[in-house]
């Protein structure tokens, strides 16, 4: 798994090695300051959380403004799925740091989508990738797959911080580190920082990025982000399109544009739907009745 910030994080860590070196008198992680809104993952203090909070307020401010804007489009979709599963709502900020809420985000390690799946993990969790579609870019399907994966990781490691670390670096690598450092393969959120100096460089910043993003997004005005206008949540109906339906035909039938279809269906790679089977396509609400079929020949 590779997040949206891989290249930036690697460079930032190399430039700030002093912050990465643990010291004998460094304080243990503790509960962070009171924030606007509630937390359902741990809000632990750490120097790198402070570091990324400052970066988001300064040289990465324009990036974070875009994240807050796109959050309006995708956060409710993720939140509803988290609520249905009884999972922490704060996991929405993992998607924020992975992709900046860009469903077409693509990393140099070939990870893609809101949740930055690599192809092997995507296939493992039921996402289809072929010439016509890349379901890593489908915000609904990718969210379901990512939460399946995170739930499995939490069951395995016993902590959301450790689950996030494994999501970034892989389960087997984290298992080896925990066994070598702690003599066990499960732990608490504080154990993330107990093994922090043994983690890959990118993974060391992964949870601090998530917590920094959450602190700001929970109370943007406190951090100098007042007046950000979020995008509206996606509003759509679903129709069944027959194989190889041209998007232009589908748009005409739905009373919309191809550009809008691509916003609602970022998994579509071609100017048509997949040609091997019918598929569900999202069209703007309230056009098209639920379950209506749109034919390739229309």
Protein backbone atom coordinates (compact mmCIF):
# COMPACT_ATOMS: atom_id res chain seq x y z
CA UNK A 1 0.00 0.00 0.00
CA UNK A 2 1.31 3.40 -0.93
CA UNK A 3 -0.32 6.66 0.15
CA UNK A 4 -0.77 9.95 -1.64
CA UNK A 5 2.18 11.44 0.25
CA UNK A 6 4.86 8.81 -0.46
CA UNK A 7 7.36 10.98 -2.35
CA UNK A 8 6.75 14.01 -0.14
CA UNK A 9 7.00 12.00 3.06
CA UNK A 10 10.25 10.30 2.05
CA UNK A 11 11.84 13.67 1.28
CA UNK A 12 10.51 15.29 4.43
CA UNK A 13 11.78 12.48 6.63
CA UNK A 14 15.25 12.56 5.09
CA UNK A 15 15.36 16.30 5.67
CA UNK A 16 14.29 16.00 9.31
CA UNK A 17 16.14 12.96 10.64
CA UNK A 18 16.63 14.68 13.98
CA UNK A 19 12.91 14.45 14.57
CA UNK A 20 12.92 10.77 13.72
CA UNK A 21 15.62 9.77 16.17
CA UNK A 22 14.03 8.67 19.48
CA UNK A 23 15.66 10.14 22.57
CA UNK A 24 15.97 8.66 26.02
CA UNK A 25 13.98 11.47 27.61
CA UNK A 26 11.27 11.67 24.94
CA UNK A 27 7.84 11.62 26.60
CA UNK A 28 5.59 8.65 26.01
CA UNK A 29 2.57 9.25 23.76
CA UNK A 30 -0.36 10.69 25.69
CA UNK A 31 -3.87 11.84 24.99
CA UNK A 32 -3.82 14.91 22.82
CA UNK A 33 -5.41 18.27 23.52
CA UNK A 34 -9.15 18.65 23.53
CA UNK A 35 -10.43 19.07 19.99
CA UNK A 36 -13.72 20.21 18.53
CA UNK A 37 -15.85 17.15 17.89
CA UNK A 38 -15.42 13.70 19.31
CA UNK A 39 -12.73 11.14 18.57
CA UNK A 40 -13.23 7.42 18.15
CA UNK A 41 -9.63 6.57 17.39
CA UNK A 42 -6.82 7.55 19.74
CA UNK A 43 -5.63 11.16 19.54
CA UNK A 44 -2.06 10.65 20.74
CA UNK A 45 0.54 13.40 20.79
CA UNK A 46 3.81 12.96 18.93
CA UNK A 47 6.38 15.32 17.41
CA UNK A 48 5.47 14.21 13.90
CA UNK A 49 1.79 14.96 14.47
CA UNK A 50 2.81 18.52 15.33
CA UNK A 51 5.16 18.59 12.36
CA UNK A 52 2.46 17.60 9.87
CA UNK A 53 -0.07 19.93 11.43
CA UNK A 54 2.35 22.80 10.76
CA UNK A 55 3.07 21.61 7.23
CA UNK A 56 -0.64 21.45 6.38
CA UNK A 57 -1.00 25.02 7.66
CA UNK A 58 1.96 26.35 5.66
CA UNK A 59 3.60 24.99 2.51
CA UNK A 60 0.97 22.25 2.05
CA UNK A 61 -1.94 24.54 2.79
CA UNK A 62 -3.29 24.56 -0.78
CA UNK A 63 -3.25 20.75 -0.81
CA UNK A 64 -5.18 20.61 2.43
CA UNK A 65 -7.75 23.13 1.21
CA UNK A 66 -8.42 20.79 -1.71
CA UNK A 67 -8.74 17.85 0.70
CA UNK A 68 -11.31 19.72 2.77
CA UNK A 69 -13.25 20.67 -0.34
CA UNK A 70 -13.31 17.10 -1.71
CA UNK A 71 -14.16 15.76 1.74
CA UNK A 72 -17.65 17.19 1.25
CA UNK A 73 -18.13 14.96 -1.77
CA UNK A 74 -16.95 11.64 -0.34
CA UNK A 75 -16.94 11.75 3.49
CA UNK A 76 -20.65 11.01 3.94
CA UNK A 77 -20.37 7.96 1.67
CA UNK A 78 -17.49 6.63 3.78
CA UNK A 79 -19.15 7.63 7.05
CA UNK A 80 -22.34 5.74 6.21
CA UNK A 81 -20.35 2.57 5.49
CA UNK A 82 -18.35 2.96 8.71
CA UNK A 83 -21.55 3.45 10.68
CA UNK A 84 -23.16 0.37 9.17
CA UNK A 85 -20.15 -1.71 10.21
CA UNK A 86 -19.73 -0.15 13.66
CA UNK A 87 -16.20 0.99 12.77
CA UNK A 88 -14.57 4.26 13.96
CA UNK A 89 -15.71 7.30 12.03
CA UNK A 90 -12.21 8.75 12.24
CA UNK A 91 -11.00 6.20 9.69
CA UNK A 92 -12.32 8.66 7.10
CA UNK A 93 -9.05 10.53 7.63
CA UNK A 94 -7.10 7.52 6.40
CA UNK A 95 -8.71 8.09 3.00
CA UNK A 96 -7.83 11.77 3.30
CA UNK A 97 -4.11 11.09 3.67
CA UNK A 98 -4.12 8.24 1.16
CA UNK A 99 -5.60 10.14 -1.76
CA UNK A 100 -6.75 13.60 -0.70
CA UNK A 101 -10.24 12.26 -1.52
CA UNK A 102 -9.32 12.01 -5.19
CA UNK A 103 -10.85 8.77 -6.57
CA UNK A 104 -8.44 8.84 -9.51
CA UNK A 105 -5.30 9.36 -7.43
CA UNK A 106 -2.45 7.19 -8.73
CA UNK A 107 0.92 6.69 -7.08
CA UNK A 108 4.31 5.88 -8.54
CA UNK A 109 3.97 2.46 -6.88
CA UNK A 110 0.86 1.89 -9.03
CA UNK A 111 -1.62 2.24 -6.16
CA UNK A 112 -4.92 3.81 -7.18
CA UNK A 113 -8.17 5.28 -5.92
CA UNK A 114 -9.52 6.87 -2.76
CA UNK A 115 -7.93 4.12 -0.69
CA UNK A 116 -4.79 3.60 -2.80
CA UNK A 117 -5.06 -0.12 -3.42
CA UNK A 118 -2.30 -1.92 -5.25
CA UNK A 119 -3.65 -4.42 -7.75
CA UNK A 120 -2.85 -7.55 -5.71
CA UNK A 121 -4.70 -6.34 -2.61
CA UNK A 122 -7.54 -5.02 -4.74
CA UNK A 123 -8.04 -8.43 -6.33
CA UNK A 124 -7.81 -10.09 -2.93
CA UNK A 125 -10.72 -7.95 -1.73
CA UNK A 126 -12.89 -8.40 -4.79
CA UNK A 127 -12.14 -5.32 -6.89
CA UNK A 128 -12.08 -5.91 -10.65
CA UNK A 129 -9.33 -4.40 -12.80
CA UNK A 130 -9.44 -4.88 -16.56
CA UNK A 131 -9.22 -2.93 -19.80
CA UNK A 132 -12.61 -1.28 -19.31
CA UNK A 133 -12.89 -0.72 -15.56
CA UNK A 134 -10.68 -0.20 -12.53
CA UNK A 135 -12.85 -0.67 -9.46
CA UNK A 136 -10.11 0.72 -7.24
CA UNK A 137 -11.42 4.05 -8.57
CA UNK A 138 -15.04 3.28 -7.69
CA UNK A 139 -15.59 5.16 -4.41
CA UNK A 140 -18.38 2.86 -3.25
CA UNK A 141 -16.76 -0.49 -4.06
CA UNK A 142 -13.28 0.61 -3.01
CA UNK A 143 -14.59 1.90 0.32
CA UNK A 144 -16.29 -1.42 1.05
CA UNK A 145 -13.09 -3.29 0.15
CA UNK A 146 -10.87 -0.96 2.20
CA UNK A 147 -13.06 -1.31 5.28
CA UNK A 148 -13.06 -5.09 4.87
CA UNK A 149 -9.28 -4.95 4.79
CA UNK A 150 -8.98 -2.58 7.75
CA UNK A 151 -11.38 -4.68 9.78
CA UNK A 152 -9.29 -7.78 9.07
CA UNK A 153 -6.14 -5.90 10.07
CA UNK A 154 -7.71 -4.67 13.31
CA UNK A 155 -8.77 -8.24 14.15
CA UNK A 156 -5.22 -9.39 13.49
CA UNK A 157 -3.28 -6.66 15.32
CA UNK A 158 -5.76 -5.45 17.97
CA UNK A 159 -5.28 -1.72 17.38
CA UNK A 160 -6.41 0.83 14.81
CA UNK A 161 -2.97 2.48 14.79
CA UNK A 162 -1.34 -0.88 14.07
CA UNK A 163 -4.03 -1.70 11.52
CA UNK A 164 -3.24 1.59 9.75
CA UNK A 165 0.48 0.79 9.83
CA UNK A 166 -0.18 -2.63 8.28
CA UNK A 167 -2.45 -1.06 5.67
CA UNK A 168 0.51 1.08 4.62
CA UNK A 169 3.41 -1.37 4.89
CA UNK A 170 1.80 -4.81 4.70
CA UNK A 171 0.79 -7.32 7.34
CA UNK A 172 3.80 -9.59 7.26
CA UNK A 173 6.35 -6.84 7.72
CA UNK A 174 4.53 -5.42 10.74
CA UNK A 175 4.14 -8.88 12.23
CA UNK A 176 7.92 -9.42 12.06
CA UNK A 177 8.61 -6.03 13.67
CA UNK A 178 6.14 -6.57 16.52
CA UNK A 179 7.45 -10.06 17.23
CA UNK A 180 11.07 -8.87 17.27
CA UNK A 181 10.44 -5.74 19.34
CA UNK A 182 7.65 -6.80 21.68
CA UNK A 183 7.61 -10.59 21.55
CA UNK A 184 4.00 -10.61 20.34
CA UNK A 185 2.03 -9.82 17.22
CA UNK A 186 -0.85 -7.83 18.71
CA UNK A 187 -0.79 -4.59 20.64
CA UNK A 188 -2.25 -1.22 21.52
CA UNK A 189 -2.19 2.13 19.77
CA UNK A 190 0.72 3.17 22.01
CA UNK A 191 2.67 0.18 20.68
CA UNK A 192 2.75 1.88 17.27
CA UNK A 193 5.10 4.44 18.80
CA UNK A 194 6.89 1.75 20.84
CA UNK A 195 8.09 0.20 17.55
CA UNK A 196 8.04 3.46 15.60
CA UNK A 197 11.79 3.66 14.99
CA UNK A 198 11.75 0.16 13.46
CA UNK A 199 9.00 0.94 10.93
CA UNK A 200 9.73 1.85 7.30
CA UNK A 201 10.19 5.58 6.91
CA UNK A 202 6.87 6.19 5.18
CA UNK A 203 4.97 4.17 7.78
CA UNK A 204 6.51 6.19 10.61
CA UNK A 205 4.62 9.22 9.32
CA UNK A 206 1.45 7.40 8.34
CA UNK A 207 -0.46 7.60 11.63
CA UNK A 208 0.90 11.08 12.46
CA UNK A 209 -0.41 12.25 9.08
CA UNK A 210 -3.81 10.74 9.80
CA UNK A 211 -4.03 12.31 13.27
CA UNK A 212 -2.80 15.70 12.04
CA UNK A 213 -5.36 15.66 9.23
CA UNK A 214 -8.11 14.71 11.69
CA UNK A 215 -7.20 17.48 14.14
CA UNK A 216 -7.46 20.12 11.45
CA UNK A 217 -10.52 18.71 9.69
CA UNK A 218 -12.47 18.45 12.95
CA UNK A 219 -12.00 22.18 13.63
CA UNK A 220 -10.71 23.89 10.46
CA UNK A 221 -11.19 27.45 11.72
CA UNK A 222 -8.94 26.82 14.73
CA UNK A 223 -6.11 26.01 12.32
CA UNK A 224 -6.70 28.86 9.89
CA UNK A 225 -8.99 27.11 7.40
CA UNK A 226 -12.17 29.13 7.91
CA UNK A 227 -14.57 29.63 5.04
CA UNK A 228 -13.70 26.52 3.02
CA UNK A 229 -16.66 25.58 0.81
CA UNK A 230 -16.92 21.79 0.55
CA UNK A 231 -18.15 20.09 -2.58
CA UNK A 232 -21.66 18.70 -2.39
CA UNK A 233 -22.07 14.97 -1.67
CA UNK A 234 -22.65 12.75 -4.67
CA UNK A 235 -26.35 12.46 -5.57
CA UNK A 236 -27.18 9.70 -8.02
CA UNK A 237 -29.40 6.85 -9.07
CA UNK A 238 -28.19 3.56 -10.37
CA UNK A 239 -29.16 2.05 -13.72
CA UNK A 240 -28.15 -1.19 -15.39
CA UNK A 241 -26.25 -0.67 -18.63
CA UNK A 242 -25.95 -3.49 -21.14
CA UNK A 243 -22.48 -4.55 -22.30
CA UNK A 244 -20.56 -2.02 -24.42
CA UNK A 245 -23.06 0.81 -23.95
CA UNK A 246 -21.44 4.04 -25.23
CA UNK A 247 -21.23 6.68 -22.52
CA UNK A 248 -22.60 9.25 -24.96
CA UNK A 249 -25.74 7.14 -25.39
CA UNK A 250 -26.03 6.60 -21.67
CA UNK A 251 -25.63 10.32 -20.99
CA UNK A 252 -28.30 11.19 -23.55
CA UNK A 253 -30.77 8.73 -22.04
CA UNK A 254 -30.06 10.00 -18.52
CA UNK A 255 -30.26 13.68 -19.50
CA UNK A 256 -26.69 14.42 -18.47
CA UNK A 257 -23.19 14.70 -19.94
CA UNK A 258 -20.37 12.24 -20.40
CA UNK A 259 -18.24 14.42 -18.10
CA UNK A 260 -20.80 14.08 -15.31
CA UNK A 261 -21.00 10.32 -15.85
CA UNK A 262 -17.24 10.13 -15.40
CA UNK A 263 -17.47 12.06 -12.12
CA UNK A 264 -20.05 9.60 -10.83
CA UNK A 265 -18.29 6.55 -12.32
CA UNK A 266 -14.54 7.16 -12.08
CA UNK A 267 -13.88 3.44 -12.51
CA UNK A 268 -14.82 3.63 -16.22
CA UNK A 269 -11.69 3.76 -18.36
CA UNK A 270 -13.14 3.82 -21.88
CA UNK A 271 -15.88 5.65 -23.75
CA UNK A 272 -18.22 2.73 -23.09
CA UNK A 273 -19.20 0.31 -20.37
CA UNK A 274 -17.47 -3.05 -20.10
CA UNK A 275 -18.29 -5.38 -22.99
CA UNK A 276 -18.26 -8.72 -21.16
CA UNK A 277 -21.33 -8.21 -18.95
CA UNK A 278 -24.00 -5.73 -17.92
CA UNK A 279 -23.00 -3.35 -15.16
CA UNK A 280 -24.51 -0.88 -12.73
CA UNK A 281 -23.81 2.74 -13.67
CA UNK A 282 -24.54 5.84 -11.60
CA UNK A 283 -26.47 8.68 -13.21
CA UNK A 284 -27.45 12.01 -11.66
CA UNK A 285 -30.55 11.93 -9.47
CA UNK A 286 -33.47 12.12 -10.04
CA UNK A 287 -33.09 11.08 -13.71
CA UNK A 288 -33.75 7.47 -14.70
CA UNK A 289 -35.87 5.14 -12.66
CA UNK A 290 -34.19 2.72 -10.27
CA UNK A 291 -33.25 -0.46 -12.03
CA UNK A 292 -33.91 0.92 -15.52
CA UNK A 293 -31.94 -0.79 -18.25
CA UNK A 294 -30.05 1.26 -20.80
CA UNK A 295 -29.29 -0.62 -23.98
CA UNK A 296 -26.11 -0.53 -26.01
CA UNK A 297 -28.11 0.08 -29.15
CA UNK A 298 -30.11 3.05 -27.79
